[in-house]
Amino acid sequence: MTKHVFTLNLGDSFDKIVDLLSQKKLSGAPVIDKKKKVVGVISEKDLFHKIFPSQKAFYKDPEYFMNFDRLEKDAKGILKITAKKIMSRKVIYVQPEDHILKACSLFMMHNVRRLPVLDNGKLVGIVTTGNIFRNFLSHIVEK
């Protein structure tokens, strides 16, 4: 678990989110409200979903989506979208006392790469697939 967690706020703009993730080399971060409660999670995948069309939208107007110059121009309008409209609202989390294999199973079941660690609803850390790989799986291989 990483104890120092970079978080986003509900009102953070798309460009602020991208700046945080790229500057801190993160693939995602929890979103907190004014009371510091985790209310969502934003991943790189969530950002891509806002830029690129769903399969259904693509097939409604493939000509539009094949015009990359127009797509790039239109994508600039996304900069005003806030974390509240981008985030995944279903927060899948673990608690500090949970076994590491519970985190592993949640990663697999929900196809996520990070889990906030909540203690009585308070954010105390984050577990990522990288944490698991570096610590748990490497430890198994050593034995």
N, C-alpha and C. Protein backbone atom coordinates (compact mmCIF):
# COMPACT_ATOMS: atom_id res chain seq x y z
N MET A 1 0.84 -1.18 0.00
CA MET A 1 0.00 0.00 0.00
C MET A 1 0.89 1.24 0.00
N THR A 2 0.48 2.21 -0.77
CA THR A 2 1.13 3.51 -0.77
C THR A 2 0.31 4.41 0.15
N LYS A 3 0.96 5.01 1.13
CA LYS A 3 0.22 5.83 2.10
C LYS A 3 0.00 7.26 1.62
N HIS A 4 0.94 7.78 0.83
CA HIS A 4 0.76 9.14 0.31
C HIS A 4 -0.02 9.04 -1.00
N VAL A 5 -1.28 9.49 -0.97
CA VAL A 5 -2.16 9.34 -2.11
C VAL A 5 -2.44 10.70 -2.73
N PHE A 6 -2.20 10.81 -4.02
CA PHE A 6 -2.58 12.01 -4.76
C PHE A 6 -4.05 11.87 -5.09
N THR A 7 -4.83 12.90 -4.79
CA THR A 7 -6.27 12.86 -5.02
C THR A 7 -6.70 13.99 -5.94
N LEU A 8 -7.89 13.82 -6.46
CA LEU A 8 -8.52 14.84 -7.29
C LEU A 8 -9.78 15.32 -6.60
N ASN A 9 -10.21 16.53 -6.94
CA ASN A 9 -11.44 17.07 -6.39
C ASN A 9 -12.53 17.04 -7.46
N LEU A 10 -13.78 17.03 -7.04
CA LEU A 10 -14.91 16.94 -7.97
C LEU A 10 -14.87 18.03 -9.04
N GLY A 11 -14.41 19.21 -8.70
CA GLY A 11 -14.40 20.33 -9.64
C GLY A 11 -13.16 20.44 -10.50
N ASP A 12 -12.20 19.54 -10.33
CA ASP A 12 -10.97 19.61 -11.13
C ASP A 12 -11.29 19.42 -12.61
N SER A 13 -10.67 20.25 -13.44
CA SER A 13 -10.91 20.20 -14.88
C SER A 13 -10.08 19.09 -15.53
N PHE A 14 -10.46 18.75 -16.74
CA PHE A 14 -9.80 17.70 -17.51
C PHE A 14 -8.30 17.97 -17.60
N ASP A 15 -7.92 19.21 -17.91
CA ASP A 15 -6.49 19.50 -18.05
C ASP A 15 -5.75 19.39 -16.73
N LYS A 16 -6.41 19.74 -15.63
CA LYS A 16 -5.77 19.60 -14.32
C LYS A 16 -5.58 18.11 -13.98
N ILE A 17 -6.55 17.31 -14.34
CA ILE A 17 -6.46 15.86 -14.10
C ILE A 17 -5.29 15.28 -14.89
N VAL A 18 -5.23 15.63 -16.17
CA VAL A 18 -4.14 15.14 -17.02
C VAL A 18 -2.79 15.60 -16.48
N ASP A 19 -2.71 16.86 -16.04
CA ASP A 19 -1.45 17.37 -15.47
C ASP A 19 -1.02 16.56 -14.26
N LEU A 20 -1.94 16.30 -13.33
CA LEU A 20 -1.60 15.54 -12.13
C LEU A 20 -1.12 14.14 -12.50
N LEU A 21 -1.89 13.46 -13.33
CA LEU A 21 -1.54 12.08 -13.68
C LEU A 21 -0.20 12.02 -14.41
N SER A 22 0.03 12.95 -15.33
CA SER A 22 1.28 12.89 -16.08
C SER A 22 2.47 13.35 -15.25
N GLN A 23 2.33 14.41 -14.46
CA GLN A 23 3.44 14.90 -13.64
C GLN A 23 3.84 13.90 -12.57
N LYS A 24 2.87 13.24 -11.97
CA LYS A 24 3.15 12.29 -10.89
C LYS A 24 3.32 10.87 -11.40
N LYS A 25 3.20 10.69 -12.72
CA LYS A 25 3.34 9.37 -13.35
C LYS A 25 2.35 8.36 -12.76
N LEU A 26 1.08 8.78 -12.71
CA LEU A 26 0.01 7.95 -12.17
C LEU A 26 -0.89 7.48 -13.31
N SER A 27 -1.50 6.34 -13.14
CA SER A 27 -2.48 5.88 -14.13
C SER A 27 -3.91 6.16 -13.66
N GLY A 28 -4.05 6.74 -12.48
CA GLY A 28 -5.37 7.08 -11.96
C GLY A 28 -5.26 7.59 -10.55
N ALA A 29 -6.39 8.12 -10.04
CA ALA A 29 -6.40 8.67 -8.68
C ALA A 29 -7.83 8.72 -8.15
N PRO A 30 -7.97 8.63 -6.82
CA PRO A 30 -9.29 8.77 -6.21
C PRO A 30 -9.78 10.22 -6.31
N VAL A 31 -11.10 10.38 -6.35
CA VAL A 31 -11.72 11.70 -6.35
C VAL A 31 -12.40 11.86 -4.99
N ILE A 32 -12.13 12.99 -4.35
CA ILE A 32 -12.72 13.24 -3.02
C ILE A 32 -13.65 14.44 -3.06
N ASP A 33 -14.61 14.46 -2.12
CA ASP A 33 -15.50 15.60 -2.00
C ASP A 33 -14.95 16.57 -0.96
N LYS A 34 -15.72 17.59 -0.62
CA LYS A 34 -15.25 18.62 0.33
C LYS A 34 -14.98 18.05 1.73
N LYS A 35 -15.65 16.94 2.06
CA LYS A 35 -15.45 16.31 3.37
C LYS A 35 -14.33 15.28 3.33
N LYS A 36 -13.61 15.23 2.21
CA LYS A 36 -12.48 14.31 2.00
C LYS A 36 -12.93 12.85 1.88
N LYS A 37 -14.20 12.64 1.55
CA LYS A 37 -14.73 11.30 1.34
C LYS A 37 -14.48 10.89 -0.11
N VAL A 38 -14.04 9.66 -0.32
CA VAL A 38 -13.81 9.16 -1.68
C VAL A 38 -15.16 8.93 -2.34
N VAL A 39 -15.38 9.64 -3.46
CA VAL A 39 -16.67 9.55 -4.15
C VAL A 39 -16.53 8.99 -5.56
N GLY A 40 -15.30 8.73 -5.97
CA GLY A 40 -15.07 8.18 -7.30
C GLY A 40 -13.60 7.93 -7.54
N VAL A 41 -13.31 7.43 -8.72
CA VAL A 41 -11.94 7.17 -9.14
C VAL A 41 -11.84 7.55 -10.61
N ILE A 42 -10.73 8.16 -10.99
CA ILE A 42 -10.49 8.47 -12.39
C ILE A 42 -9.23 7.74 -12.83
N SER A 43 -9.34 7.06 -13.96
CA SER A 43 -8.20 6.36 -14.54
C SER A 43 -7.92 6.93 -15.92
N GLU A 44 -6.76 6.57 -16.46
CA GLU A 44 -6.45 6.96 -17.83
C GLU A 44 -7.54 6.46 -18.77
N LYS A 45 -8.06 5.29 -18.49
CA LYS A 45 -9.11 4.71 -19.32
C LYS A 45 -10.35 5.61 -19.33
N ASP A 46 -10.70 6.19 -18.18
CA ASP A 46 -11.85 7.10 -18.11
C ASP A 46 -11.62 8.32 -18.99
N LEU A 47 -10.38 8.82 -19.01
CA LEU A 47 -10.06 9.98 -19.84
C LEU A 47 -10.18 9.63 -21.32
N PHE A 48 -9.68 8.47 -21.71
CA PHE A 48 -9.79 8.05 -23.11
C PHE A 48 -11.24 7.88 -23.53
N HIS A 49 -12.07 7.39 -22.62
CA HIS A 49 -13.48 7.20 -22.95
C HIS A 49 -14.18 8.53 -23.22
N LYS A 50 -13.69 9.60 -22.63
CA LYS A 50 -14.27 10.92 -22.89
C LYS A 50 -13.81 11.48 -24.23
N ILE A 51 -12.62 11.08 -24.67
CA ILE A 51 -12.08 11.60 -25.93
C ILE A 51 -12.57 10.77 -27.11
N PHE A 52 -12.56 9.45 -26.98
CA PHE A 52 -12.87 8.57 -28.08
C PHE A 52 -14.31 8.06 -27.97
N PRO A 53 -14.91 7.79 -29.11
CA PRO A 53 -16.32 7.38 -29.11
C PRO A 53 -16.51 5.94 -28.66
N SER A 54 -17.71 5.67 -28.22
CA SER A 54 -18.08 4.28 -27.98
C SER A 54 -18.24 3.62 -29.35
N GLN A 55 -18.30 2.33 -29.36
CA GLN A 55 -18.48 1.61 -30.62
C GLN A 55 -19.81 2.01 -31.27
N LYS A 56 -20.83 2.17 -30.45
CA LYS A 56 -22.15 2.56 -30.97
C LYS A 56 -22.10 3.95 -31.60
N ALA A 57 -21.45 4.90 -30.93
CA ALA A 57 -21.34 6.25 -31.48
C ALA A 57 -20.52 6.26 -32.76
N PHE A 58 -19.46 5.48 -32.78
CA PHE A 58 -18.61 5.41 -33.96
C PHE A 58 -19.40 4.96 -35.18
N TYR A 59 -20.17 3.91 -35.02
CA TYR A 59 -20.90 3.37 -36.17
C TYR A 59 -22.10 4.22 -36.58
N LYS A 60 -22.51 5.14 -35.73
CA LYS A 60 -23.56 6.08 -36.13
C LYS A 60 -23.02 7.07 -37.16
N ASP A 61 -21.74 7.45 -37.01
CA ASP A 61 -21.15 8.44 -37.90
C ASP A 61 -19.66 8.17 -38.08
N PRO A 62 -19.30 7.06 -38.72
CA PRO A 62 -17.87 6.71 -38.86
C PRO A 62 -17.07 7.76 -39.62
N GLU A 63 -17.70 8.45 -40.55
CA GLU A 63 -16.98 9.48 -41.31
C GLU A 63 -16.48 10.59 -40.39
N TYR A 64 -17.33 10.99 -39.45
CA TYR A 64 -16.92 12.02 -38.48
C TYR A 64 -15.71 11.55 -37.67
N PHE A 65 -15.76 10.34 -37.20
CA PHE A 65 -14.70 9.84 -36.32
C PHE A 65 -13.43 9.44 -37.08
N MET A 66 -13.48 9.40 -38.39
CA MET A 66 -12.29 9.12 -39.17
C MET A 66 -11.57 10.41 -39.59
N ASN A 67 -12.19 11.55 -39.32
CA ASN A 67 -11.57 12.84 -39.62
C ASN A 67 -10.78 13.27 -38.38
N PHE A 68 -9.53 12.86 -38.31
CA PHE A 68 -8.73 13.05 -37.11
C PHE A 68 -8.44 14.51 -36.80
N ASP A 69 -8.31 15.34 -37.82
CA ASP A 69 -8.08 16.77 -37.57
C ASP A 69 -9.28 17.39 -36.87
N ARG A 70 -10.47 17.04 -37.33
CA ARG A 70 -11.69 17.55 -36.70
C ARG A 70 -11.84 16.99 -35.28
N LEU A 71 -11.52 15.73 -35.11
CA LEU A 71 -11.58 15.12 -33.77
C LEU A 71 -10.64 15.84 -32.81
N GLU A 72 -9.43 16.12 -33.28
CA GLU A 72 -8.47 16.81 -32.41
C GLU A 72 -8.96 18.20 -32.04
N LYS A 73 -9.53 18.90 -33.01
CA LYS A 73 -10.08 20.24 -32.74
C LYS A 73 -11.23 20.15 -31.73
N ASP A 74 -12.14 19.21 -31.95
CA ASP A 74 -13.29 19.06 -31.05
C ASP A 74 -12.88 18.60 -29.66
N ALA A 75 -11.79 17.85 -29.58
CA ALA A 75 -11.33 17.34 -28.28
C ALA A 75 -10.95 18.47 -27.33
N LYS A 76 -10.59 19.62 -27.85
CA LYS A 76 -10.21 20.74 -26.98
C LYS A 76 -11.38 21.19 -26.10
N GLY A 77 -12.61 20.95 -26.55
CA GLY A 77 -13.78 21.30 -25.75
C GLY A 77 -13.89 20.47 -24.49
N ILE A 78 -13.17 19.40 -24.45
CA ILE A 78 -13.19 18.50 -23.30
C ILE A 78 -12.49 19.10 -22.08
N LEU A 79 -11.66 20.10 -22.31
CA LEU A 79 -10.87 20.69 -21.23
C LEU A 79 -11.74 21.27 -20.11
N LYS A 80 -12.98 21.59 -20.42
CA LYS A 80 -13.87 22.18 -19.41
C LYS A 80 -14.63 21.14 -18.60
N ILE A 81 -14.58 19.88 -19.01
CA ILE A 81 -15.28 18.82 -18.28
C ILE A 81 -14.59 18.59 -16.94
N THR A 82 -15.37 18.43 -15.88
CA THR A 82 -14.80 18.26 -14.54
C THR A 82 -14.72 16.78 -14.14
N ALA A 83 -13.97 16.56 -13.09
CA ALA A 83 -13.79 15.21 -12.55
C ALA A 83 -15.14 14.56 -12.25
N LYS A 84 -16.09 15.33 -11.79
CA LYS A 84 -17.40 14.80 -11.43
C LYS A 84 -18.07 14.11 -12.62
N LYS A 85 -17.82 14.61 -13.83
CA LYS A 85 -18.45 14.04 -15.03
C LYS A 85 -17.60 12.94 -15.66
N ILE A 86 -16.37 12.81 -15.24
CA ILE A 86 -15.46 11.82 -15.82
C ILE A 86 -15.35 10.57 -14.96
N MET A 87 -15.38 10.75 -13.67
CA MET A 87 -15.03 9.67 -12.73
C MET A 87 -15.97 8.48 -12.79
N SER A 88 -15.43 7.36 -12.41
CA SER A 88 -16.22 6.16 -12.18
C SER A 88 -16.76 6.30 -10.76
N ARG A 89 -18.06 6.26 -10.62
CA ARG A 89 -18.68 6.50 -9.31
C ARG A 89 -18.65 5.29 -8.38
N LYS A 90 -18.58 4.12 -8.96
CA LYS A 90 -18.55 2.92 -8.13
C LYS A 90 -17.13 2.75 -7.59
N VAL A 91 -16.97 3.00 -6.32
CA VAL A 91 -15.64 2.92 -5.70
C VAL A 91 -15.45 1.51 -5.14
N ILE A 92 -14.54 0.79 -5.75
CA ILE A 92 -14.17 -0.53 -5.27
C ILE A 92 -12.94 -0.33 -4.41
N TYR A 93 -12.99 -0.80 -3.18
CA TYR A 93 -11.92 -0.49 -2.23
C TYR A 93 -11.61 -1.68 -1.35
N VAL A 94 -10.53 -1.55 -0.62
CA VAL A 94 -10.16 -2.53 0.40
C VAL A 94 -9.97 -1.77 1.71
N GLN A 95 -9.92 -2.54 2.78
CA GLN A 95 -9.65 -1.99 4.10
C GLN A 95 -8.25 -2.41 4.53
N PRO A 96 -7.63 -1.68 5.43
CA PRO A 96 -6.23 -1.98 5.80
C PRO A 96 -6.01 -3.43 6.25
N GLU A 97 -6.99 -4.03 6.90
CA GLU A 97 -6.80 -5.39 7.43
C GLU A 97 -7.12 -6.48 6.41
N ASP A 98 -7.60 -6.10 5.21
CA ASP A 98 -7.93 -7.10 4.20
C ASP A 98 -6.67 -7.81 3.71
N HIS A 99 -6.83 -9.09 3.40
CA HIS A 99 -5.72 -9.89 2.88
C HIS A 99 -5.36 -9.40 1.47
N ILE A 100 -4.11 -9.48 1.13
CA ILE A 100 -3.64 -9.03 -0.18
C ILE A 100 -4.33 -9.77 -1.32
N LEU A 101 -4.70 -11.02 -1.09
CA LEU A 101 -5.37 -11.78 -2.13
C LEU A 101 -6.77 -11.24 -2.42
N LYS A 102 -7.38 -10.57 -1.45
CA LYS A 102 -8.66 -9.92 -1.70
C LYS A 102 -8.46 -8.80 -2.72
N ALA A 103 -7.39 -8.03 -2.54
CA ALA A 103 -7.08 -6.96 -3.51
C ALA A 103 -6.85 -7.57 -4.89
N CYS A 104 -6.10 -8.65 -4.94
CA CYS A 104 -5.83 -9.32 -6.22
C CYS A 104 -7.12 -9.75 -6.90
N SER A 105 -8.02 -10.34 -6.12
CA SER A 105 -9.27 -10.82 -6.72
C SER A 105 -10.13 -9.64 -7.19
N LEU A 106 -10.12 -8.53 -6.45
CA LEU A 106 -10.88 -7.35 -6.88
C LEU A 106 -10.31 -6.75 -8.16
N PHE A 107 -8.99 -6.75 -8.27
CA PHE A 107 -8.36 -6.28 -9.52
C PHE A 107 -8.89 -7.09 -10.70
N MET A 108 -8.90 -8.39 -10.54
CA MET A 108 -9.31 -9.27 -11.63
C MET A 108 -10.82 -9.19 -11.91
N MET A 109 -11.63 -9.22 -10.86
CA MET A 109 -13.09 -9.22 -11.03
C MET A 109 -13.61 -7.93 -11.66
N HIS A 110 -12.99 -6.81 -11.30
CA HIS A 110 -13.50 -5.52 -11.74
C HIS A 110 -12.65 -4.85 -12.81
N ASN A 111 -11.59 -5.54 -13.22
CA ASN A 111 -10.70 -5.00 -14.26
C ASN A 111 -10.22 -3.59 -13.92
N VAL A 112 -9.74 -3.43 -12.69
CA VAL A 112 -9.17 -2.16 -12.23
C VAL A 112 -7.71 -2.37 -11.86
N ARG A 113 -6.98 -1.27 -11.75
CA ARG A 113 -5.55 -1.37 -11.45
C ARG A 113 -5.18 -0.66 -10.15
N ARG A 114 -6.19 -0.08 -9.50
CA ARG A 114 -5.91 0.59 -8.22
C ARG A 114 -7.13 0.47 -7.32
N LEU A 115 -6.88 0.37 -6.03
CA LEU A 115 -7.96 0.28 -5.04
C LEU A 115 -7.65 1.23 -3.90
N PRO A 116 -8.53 2.19 -3.64
CA PRO A 116 -8.34 3.02 -2.45
C PRO A 116 -8.41 2.12 -1.21
N VAL A 117 -7.64 2.46 -0.21
CA VAL A 117 -7.69 1.76 1.07
C VAL A 117 -8.43 2.68 2.03
N LEU A 118 -9.59 2.22 2.49
CA LEU A 118 -10.43 3.03 3.37
C LEU A 118 -10.49 2.40 4.75
N ASP A 119 -10.31 3.24 5.75
CA ASP A 119 -10.43 2.82 7.14
C ASP A 119 -11.57 3.62 7.76
N ASN A 120 -12.70 2.96 8.02
CA ASN A 120 -13.91 3.63 8.49
C ASN A 120 -14.30 4.78 7.57
N GLY A 121 -14.18 4.53 6.27
CA GLY A 121 -14.55 5.53 5.27
C GLY A 121 -13.49 6.56 4.97
N LYS A 122 -12.41 6.58 5.73
CA LYS A 122 -11.34 7.57 5.53
C LYS A 122 -10.24 6.98 4.65
N LEU A 123 -9.80 7.76 3.66
CA LEU A 123 -8.74 7.33 2.76
C LEU A 123 -7.41 7.29 3.51
N VAL A 124 -6.81 6.11 3.58
CA VAL A 124 -5.52 5.96 4.28
C VAL A 124 -4.41 5.47 3.36
N GLY A 125 -4.75 5.16 2.12
CA GLY A 125 -3.73 4.69 1.19
C GLY A 125 -4.36 4.22 -0.10
N ILE A 126 -3.51 3.65 -0.95
CA ILE A 126 -3.97 3.09 -2.21
C ILE A 126 -3.10 1.88 -2.52
N VAL A 127 -3.73 0.86 -3.07
CA VAL A 127 -3.02 -0.35 -3.49
C VAL A 127 -3.16 -0.42 -5.01
N THR A 128 -2.05 -0.63 -5.68
CA THR A 128 -2.07 -0.74 -7.13
C THR A 128 -1.55 -2.10 -7.56
N THR A 129 -1.81 -2.43 -8.81
CA THR A 129 -1.26 -3.69 -9.32
C THR A 129 0.27 -3.65 -9.25
N GLY A 130 0.85 -2.47 -9.42
CA GLY A 130 2.30 -2.32 -9.29
C GLY A 130 2.79 -2.66 -7.89
N ASN A 131 2.04 -2.22 -6.85
CA ASN A 131 2.40 -2.56 -5.47
C ASN A 131 2.40 -4.07 -5.28
N ILE A 132 1.36 -4.71 -5.79
CA ILE A 132 1.24 -6.15 -5.65
C ILE A 132 2.40 -6.85 -6.36
N PHE A 133 2.68 -6.41 -7.58
CA PHE A 133 3.75 -7.03 -8.35
C PHE A 133 5.10 -6.87 -7.64
N ARG A 134 5.41 -5.63 -7.25
CA ARG A 134 6.72 -5.37 -6.63
C ARG A 134 6.88 -6.04 -5.28
N ASN A 135 5.83 -6.14 -4.50
CA ASN A 135 5.96 -6.63 -3.14
C ASN A 135 5.54 -8.09 -2.97
N PHE A 136 4.32 -8.40 -3.30
CA PHE A 136 3.80 -9.73 -3.04
C PHE A 136 4.32 -10.76 -4.03
N LEU A 137 4.15 -10.51 -5.32
CA LEU A 137 4.56 -11.51 -6.30
C LEU A 137 6.09 -11.69 -6.32
N SER A 138 6.84 -10.61 -6.16
CA SER A 138 8.29 -10.73 -6.11
C SER A 138 8.72 -11.56 -4.90
N HIS A 139 8.02 -11.40 -3.79
CA HIS A 139 8.32 -12.15 -2.57
C HIS A 139 8.08 -13.65 -2.79
N ILE A 140 7.00 -13.98 -3.50
CA ILE A 140 6.70 -15.39 -3.78
C ILE A 140 7.81 -16.01 -4.64
N VAL A 141 8.24 -15.27 -5.65
CA VAL A 141 9.27 -15.78 -6.57
C VAL A 141 10.58 -16.02 -5.82
N GLU A 142 10.92 -15.16 -4.87
CA GLU A 142 12.15 -15.30 -4.10
C GLU A 142 12.18 -16.58 -3.29
N LYS A 143 11.02 -17.04 -2.83
CA LYS A 143 10.97 -18.24 -2.00
C LYS A 143 11.07 -19.40 -2.86
